N, C-alpha and C. Protein backbone atom coordinates (compact mmCIF):
# COMPACT_ATOMS: atom_id res chain seq x y z
N MET A 1 10.79 5.13 -3.69
CA MET A 1 10.56 4.35 -3.24
C MET A 1 12.34 3.38 -3.60
N GLY A 2 12.18 3.28 -4.85
CA GLY A 2 13.16 2.03 -5.82
C GLY A 2 14.18 2.79 -5.60
N ALA A 3 14.63 4.01 -5.62
CA ALA A 3 15.32 4.46 -5.18
C ALA A 3 16.65 4.42 -3.90
N LEU A 4 16.20 3.57 -2.81
CA LEU A 4 16.21 3.44 -1.53
C LEU A 4 17.93 2.65 -1.61
N SER A 5 18.21 2.70 -0.66
CA SER A 5 19.27 1.23 -1.14
C SER A 5 18.88 0.49 -0.26
N GLY A 6 19.15 -0.74 -0.55
CA GLY A 6 18.42 -2.31 0.19
C GLY A 6 16.98 -2.42 -0.92
N MET A 7 16.49 -1.20 -1.40
CA MET A 7 15.53 -1.72 -2.80
C MET A 7 15.67 -2.56 -3.25
N ILE A 8 14.99 -3.44 -3.84
CA ILE A 8 15.47 -4.70 -4.68
C ILE A 8 14.57 -4.65 -5.67
N ARG A 9 12.85 -4.68 -5.57
CA ARG A 9 12.25 -3.72 -6.14
C ARG A 9 11.19 -3.39 -5.95
N THR A 10 10.04 -3.15 -6.96
CA THR A 10 9.12 -2.41 -7.05
C THR A 10 7.75 -2.55 -7.94
N ARG A 11 6.96 -3.40 -7.52
CA ARG A 11 5.66 -3.67 -8.39
C ARG A 11 4.59 -2.81 -8.39
N VAL A 12 3.93 -2.10 -9.06
CA VAL A 12 2.54 -1.80 -8.93
C VAL A 12 1.22 -2.63 -8.97
N GLY A 13 0.00 -2.63 -8.17
CA GLY A 13 -0.76 -3.68 -8.24
C GLY A 13 -1.80 -2.95 -7.61
N TYR A 14 -2.44 -3.57 -6.54
CA TYR A 14 -3.83 -4.36 -6.18
C TYR A 14 -3.21 -5.21 -4.94
N SER A 15 -4.32 -4.39 -4.37
CA SER A 15 -4.21 -5.90 -2.78
C SER A 15 -6.13 -5.35 -1.99
N GLY A 16 -5.60 -6.90 -1.13
CA GLY A 16 -7.14 -5.53 0.16
C GLY A 16 -8.61 -6.26 -0.56
N GLY A 17 -8.31 -6.83 -2.14
CA GLY A 17 -10.14 -7.34 -2.53
C GLY A 17 -9.68 -8.39 -2.75
N THR A 18 -11.19 -8.81 -2.93
CA THR A 18 -11.92 -10.45 -3.27
C THR A 18 -12.26 -11.42 -4.37
N VAL A 19 -12.41 -10.34 -5.02
CA VAL A 19 -12.09 -10.93 -7.09
C VAL A 19 -11.26 -11.15 -7.27
N ALA A 20 -11.73 -12.10 -7.69
CA ALA A 20 -9.58 -12.24 -8.22
C ALA A 20 -9.54 -11.52 -9.70
N GLU A 21 -8.56 -11.72 -10.15
CA GLU A 21 -7.97 -10.72 -11.23
C GLU A 21 -8.19 -9.11 -11.06
N PRO A 22 -7.93 -8.38 -10.55
CA PRO A 22 -8.28 -7.45 -10.46
C PRO A 22 -7.63 -6.53 -12.02
N THR A 23 -8.20 -5.93 -12.51
CA THR A 23 -7.64 -4.64 -14.05
C THR A 23 -8.20 -3.29 -13.61
N TYR A 24 -6.80 -2.36 -14.09
CA TYR A 24 -7.28 -1.00 -13.76
C TYR A 24 -8.73 -0.51 -14.18
N ARG A 25 -9.08 -1.21 -15.23
CA ARG A 25 -10.49 -0.67 -15.80
C ARG A 25 -12.21 -1.54 -14.61
N ARG A 26 -11.42 -2.63 -14.59
CA ARG A 26 -12.23 -3.13 -13.29
C ARG A 26 -12.49 -2.58 -12.14
N VAL A 27 -11.63 -2.31 -11.84
CA VAL A 27 -11.29 -1.81 -10.41
C VAL A 27 -11.94 0.09 -10.14
N CYS A 28 -11.85 0.20 -11.81
CA CYS A 28 -12.28 2.11 -11.39
C CYS A 28 -13.36 1.90 -11.86
N GLY A 29 -13.89 2.49 -10.40
CA GLY A 29 -16.23 2.40 -10.81
C GLY A 29 -17.07 1.72 -10.30
N ASN A 30 -16.51 0.30 -10.58
CA ASN A 30 -17.51 -0.51 -10.55
C ASN A 30 -17.42 -1.47 -9.50
N PRO A 31 -19.10 -1.24 -9.17
CA PRO A 31 -18.56 -1.54 -7.02
C PRO A 31 -18.30 -3.19 -7.18
N GLU A 32 -18.54 -3.94 -7.94
CA GLU A 32 -17.87 -5.40 -7.67
C GLU A 32 -16.50 -5.43 -7.51
N TRP A 33 -16.44 -4.65 -7.75
CA TRP A 33 -14.16 -4.84 -8.22
C TRP A 33 -14.10 -3.90 -6.79
N GLY A 34 -14.64 -2.65 -6.61
CA GLY A 34 -14.56 -2.41 -5.03
C GLY A 34 -13.75 -1.95 -4.12
N ASP A 35 -14.00 -3.30 -3.32
CA ASP A 35 -12.53 -3.50 -2.45
C ASP A 35 -10.82 -3.72 -2.86
N TRP A 36 -10.99 -3.15 -3.92
CA TRP A 36 -9.02 -3.45 -4.19
C TRP A 36 -8.32 -2.25 -3.57
N VAL A 37 -7.15 -1.53 -3.57
CA VAL A 37 -6.77 -0.98 -3.71
C VAL A 37 -5.76 -0.94 -4.47
N GLU A 38 -5.05 0.84 -4.81
CA GLU A 38 -3.79 0.31 -6.09
C GLU A 38 -2.57 0.69 -5.01
N THR A 39 -2.03 -0.15 -5.02
CA THR A 39 -1.21 -0.05 -4.36
C THR A 39 1.16 0.18 -5.07
N VAL A 40 2.00 -0.21 -4.17
CA VAL A 40 2.73 -0.69 -4.39
C VAL A 40 3.72 -2.34 -4.21
N GLN A 41 4.12 -2.82 -4.28
CA GLN A 41 4.38 -4.36 -3.72
C GLN A 41 6.12 -3.83 -3.65
N LEU A 42 6.55 -3.62 -2.21
CA LEU A 42 8.09 -3.72 -2.64
C LEU A 42 8.98 -4.91 -1.92
N GLU A 43 10.04 -5.00 -2.50
CA GLU A 43 10.32 -6.54 -2.22
C GLU A 43 11.90 -5.52 -1.65
N TYR A 44 12.82 -5.81 -0.64
CA TYR A 44 14.38 -5.22 0.03
C TYR A 44 14.85 -5.82 1.30
N ASP A 45 15.87 -5.42 0.89
CA ASP A 45 17.15 -6.71 1.94
C ASP A 45 16.97 -6.08 2.55
N PRO A 46 16.17 -6.82 3.68
CA PRO A 46 16.21 -6.39 5.16
C PRO A 46 17.83 -6.54 6.16
N SER A 47 18.32 -6.64 5.12
CA SER A 47 19.61 -6.71 6.31
C SER A 47 20.46 -5.41 6.10
N ALA A 48 20.01 -4.89 4.35
CA ALA A 48 20.58 -3.41 4.07
C ALA A 48 19.37 -1.69 4.27
N LEU A 49 18.35 -2.50 4.53
CA LEU A 49 17.18 -1.69 4.64
C LEU A 49 16.21 -2.32 5.47
N SER A 50 15.86 -1.18 6.82
CA SER A 50 14.92 -1.35 8.04
C SER A 50 13.13 -1.31 7.71
N TYR A 51 12.73 -2.48 8.25
CA TYR A 51 11.03 -1.85 8.14
C TYR A 51 10.97 -0.50 9.01
N ALA A 52 11.23 -0.14 9.93
CA ALA A 52 11.07 1.06 10.29
C ALA A 52 11.22 2.27 8.88
N GLU A 53 12.76 1.96 8.28
CA GLU A 53 13.15 3.14 6.79
C GLU A 53 12.09 3.32 5.90
N VAL A 54 11.80 2.36 5.94
CA VAL A 54 10.66 1.79 4.39
C VAL A 54 9.43 2.34 5.79
N LEU A 55 9.16 2.65 6.57
CA LEU A 55 7.90 2.88 6.97
C LEU A 55 8.05 4.72 6.61
N ASP A 56 9.35 5.02 7.59
CA ASP A 56 9.50 5.99 7.58
C ASP A 56 10.19 6.95 5.25
N ALA A 57 10.08 6.04 4.70
CA ALA A 57 10.56 6.85 3.11
C ALA A 57 9.03 6.78 2.49
N PHE A 58 8.16 5.91 3.35
CA PHE A 58 6.37 6.24 2.79
C PHE A 58 5.79 7.44 3.24
N PHE A 59 6.34 7.24 4.67
CA PHE A 59 5.54 8.71 5.54
C PHE A 59 6.12 9.84 4.36
N ARG A 60 6.96 10.28 3.83
CA ARG A 60 8.36 11.01 3.53
C ARG A 60 7.20 10.94 2.21
N ASN A 61 6.94 10.25 1.09
CA ASN A 61 6.62 10.31 0.26
C ASN A 61 5.78 10.12 -0.57
N HIS A 62 4.76 9.81 1.25
CA HIS A 62 3.32 9.47 0.09
C HIS A 62 2.25 10.49 1.03
N ASP A 63 1.28 11.03 0.64
CA ASP A 63 0.11 11.73 0.86
C ASP A 63 -1.04 11.14 2.35
N GLY A 64 -0.55 10.58 3.69
CA GLY A 64 -0.81 9.80 4.05
C GLY A 64 -3.20 9.65 4.12
N TRP A 65 -3.23 11.56 3.85
CA TRP A 65 -4.48 11.76 4.76
C TRP A 65 -5.14 11.72 2.89
N GLN A 66 -4.99 11.32 1.97
CA GLN A 66 -5.75 11.26 0.68
C GLN A 66 -6.56 10.64 0.91
N GLY A 67 -6.69 9.45 2.14
CA GLY A 67 -7.82 8.51 2.38
C GLY A 67 -9.39 9.40 2.60
N GLN A 68 -8.52 10.38 3.07
CA GLN A 68 -9.73 10.96 4.07
C GLN A 68 -11.07 11.85 3.30
N ARG A 69 -10.08 12.34 1.49
CA ARG A 69 -10.82 13.01 0.91
C ARG A 69 -12.09 12.12 0.73
N PRO A 70 -13.13 13.09 0.63
CA PRO A 70 -14.70 12.19 0.84
C PRO A 70 -15.00 11.76 -0.84
N SER A 71 -14.10 12.42 -1.98
CA SER A 71 -14.54 12.12 -3.81
C SER A 71 -13.83 11.11 -3.55
N ARG A 72 -12.72 10.56 -2.42
CA ARG A 72 -11.95 8.83 -2.92
C ARG A 72 -12.09 8.11 -2.35
N SER A 73 -11.75 7.11 -3.59
CA SER A 73 -13.16 5.78 -3.07
C SER A 73 -12.12 4.83 -2.54
N ARG A 74 -12.34 3.17 -2.02
CA ARG A 74 -11.35 2.49 -1.67
C ARG A 74 -9.84 2.17 -2.48
N GLN A 75 -10.35 2.52 -3.77
CA GLN A 75 -8.74 1.90 -4.64
C GLN A 75 -7.97 3.06 -4.59
N TYR A 76 -7.82 4.59 -3.92
CA TYR A 76 -7.34 5.19 -3.70
C TYR A 76 -7.07 5.84 -2.46
N GLN A 77 -7.57 4.51 -1.53
CA GLN A 77 -6.90 5.65 -0.07
C GLN A 77 -5.93 4.81 0.44
N SER A 78 -5.31 5.14 0.59
CA SER A 78 -4.06 4.83 1.67
C SER A 78 -3.90 3.80 2.65
N VAL A 79 -2.67 2.78 2.89
CA VAL A 79 -3.22 1.22 3.04
C VAL A 79 -1.42 0.84 3.08
N ILE A 80 -0.94 0.37 3.98
CA ILE A 80 -0.44 -0.41 4.50
C ILE A 80 -0.36 -1.89 4.76
N PHE A 81 -0.11 -2.19 3.37
CA PHE A 81 -0.39 -4.36 4.12
C PHE A 81 1.41 -4.39 4.60
N ALA A 82 0.69 -4.99 5.70
CA ALA A 82 1.56 -5.54 6.76
C ALA A 82 1.34 -7.19 6.41
N HIS A 83 2.91 -7.90 5.92
CA HIS A 83 3.01 -8.80 5.99
C HIS A 83 3.08 -10.08 7.12
N ASP A 84 3.70 -9.38 8.37
CA ASP A 84 3.58 -10.49 10.47
C ASP A 84 2.85 -9.09 10.72
N GLN A 85 2.75 -9.81 12.02
CA GLN A 85 2.01 -9.20 13.19
C GLN A 85 3.39 -8.06 13.62
N ALA A 86 4.70 -8.42 13.47
CA ALA A 86 6.02 -7.42 13.71
C ALA A 86 5.67 -5.86 12.57
N GLN A 87 5.07 -6.38 11.50
CA GLN A 87 4.73 -5.30 11.19
C GLN A 87 4.10 -4.09 11.23
N LEU A 88 2.72 -5.19 11.34
CA LEU A 88 1.51 -4.81 11.73
C LEU A 88 1.50 -3.61 13.12
N ALA A 89 2.29 -4.33 13.31
CA ALA A 89 2.30 -3.43 15.08
C ALA A 89 3.77 -2.09 14.45
N SER A 90 4.22 -2.36 14.15
CA SER A 90 5.42 -1.19 13.34
C SER A 90 4.54 0.08 12.44
N ALA A 91 3.51 -0.42 11.88
CA ALA A 91 2.86 0.01 10.75
C ALA A 91 1.76 0.84 11.79
N ARG A 92 0.55 0.24 12.78
CA ARG A 92 0.27 0.56 13.36
C ARG A 92 0.65 1.93 14.58
N GLN A 93 1.83 1.71 14.37
CA GLN A 93 3.45 2.81 15.89
C GLN A 93 2.99 4.41 14.96
N ALA A 94 3.39 3.84 14.05
CA ALA A 94 3.53 4.93 12.27
C ALA A 94 2.40 5.80 12.22
N VAL A 95 1.29 5.10 11.90
CA VAL A 95 0.12 6.11 11.37
C VAL A 95 -0.33 6.70 13.00
N ALA A 96 -0.21 5.89 14.16
CA ALA A 96 -0.80 6.59 15.61
C ALA A 96 -0.31 8.39 16.00
N ALA A 97 1.37 8.13 14.89
CA ALA A 97 2.56 9.12 15.72
C ALA A 97 2.14 10.43 14.90
N ARG A 98 1.59 9.47 12.94
CA ARG A 98 1.16 11.09 13.03
C ARG A 98 -1.04 11.02 12.67
N PRO A 99 -1.02 12.02 13.54
CA PRO A 99 -3.01 12.47 14.30
C PRO A 99 -3.06 12.80 12.82
N GLY A 100 -4.56 12.12 12.73
CA GLY A 100 -5.34 12.57 11.84
C GLY A 100 -5.33 12.10 10.19
N CYS A 101 -3.49 11.28 10.60
CA CYS A 101 -3.18 10.76 9.57
C CYS A 101 -4.61 9.22 8.69
N GLY A 102 -5.12 9.42 7.16
CA GLY A 102 -5.85 8.46 7.01
C GLY A 102 -5.00 7.21 6.65
N THR A 103 -3.94 6.95 7.06
CA THR A 103 -3.76 5.42 6.54
C THR A 103 -4.22 4.52 7.80
N LEU A 104 -4.61 3.47 6.67
CA LEU A 104 -5.02 1.94 7.35
C LEU A 104 -4.17 1.38 7.43
N VAL A 105 -4.15 0.68 8.60
CA VAL A 105 -3.03 -0.94 8.58
C VAL A 105 -3.80 -1.98 7.99
N GLU A 106 -3.46 -2.80 7.47
CA GLU A 106 -4.42 -3.80 7.37
C GLU A 106 -3.37 -4.83 7.10
N ALA A 107 -3.53 -6.29 7.39
CA ALA A 107 -3.43 -7.44 7.12
C ALA A 107 -2.91 -7.30 5.84
N PHE A 108 -1.64 -8.14 5.41
CA PHE A 108 -1.84 -8.25 3.85
C PHE A 108 -2.43 -9.52 2.84
N GLY A 109 -2.97 -9.64 2.20
CA GLY A 109 -3.86 -10.83 1.69
C GLY A 109 -3.40 -11.25 0.57
N GLN A 110 -3.05 -10.25 -0.68
CA GLN A 110 -2.81 -11.17 -2.03
C GLN A 110 -2.63 -10.39 -3.27
N PHE A 111 -1.91 -9.49 -3.79
CA PHE A 111 -0.96 -8.71 -4.45
C PHE A 111 -1.20 -9.27 -6.10
N TRP A 112 -1.70 -8.28 -6.89
CA TRP A 112 -2.25 -8.29 -8.14
C TRP A 112 -1.91 -7.61 -9.50
N ASP A 113 -0.48 -8.00 -10.09
CA ASP A 113 -0.06 -7.01 -10.62
C ASP A 113 -0.57 -6.00 -11.64
N ALA A 114 -0.16 -4.78 -11.74
CA ALA A 114 -0.89 -3.81 -12.78
C ALA A 114 -0.31 -4.13 -13.66
N GLU A 115 -1.36 -3.65 -14.25
CA GLU A 115 -1.18 -3.85 -16.15
C GLU A 115 0.37 -3.19 -16.45
N ALA A 116 0.74 -3.70 -17.32
CA ALA A 116 2.75 -3.57 -18.02
C ALA A 116 2.23 -1.67 -17.94
N TYR A 117 1.29 -1.06 -18.34
CA TYR A 117 1.34 1.00 -19.18
C TYR A 117 0.84 0.91 -17.14
N HIS A 118 1.05 0.87 -16.67
CA HIS A 118 1.66 1.22 -14.82
C HIS A 118 2.30 1.18 -14.36
N GLN A 119 3.14 0.12 -14.68
CA GLN A 119 4.17 0.08 -13.84
C GLN A 119 5.25 0.98 -14.60
């Protein structure tokens, strides 16, 4: 994703959880921290790259079906965290256009940077 023209920055981290300050060690197999998803936060220039183009790149480069594997926890669930209603609608439409895709679409809440060794 970082190679897309118009992409400003990518950061690896955690989204979708409720307990503050998640870390890889805390999130891995710990039920108390089990609602966090490993994610990539994207910062892009919308005048150079549309959200539709971001979604297209996401589905070209990501296994949207991985969350359906029974051995996977929420940590590895395929999720798009949308930042506004327009993104929610676009992401839901993109997922619906891929029958059987296991990617979830949720409203963005917060993002915590992962440890430096994950960047």
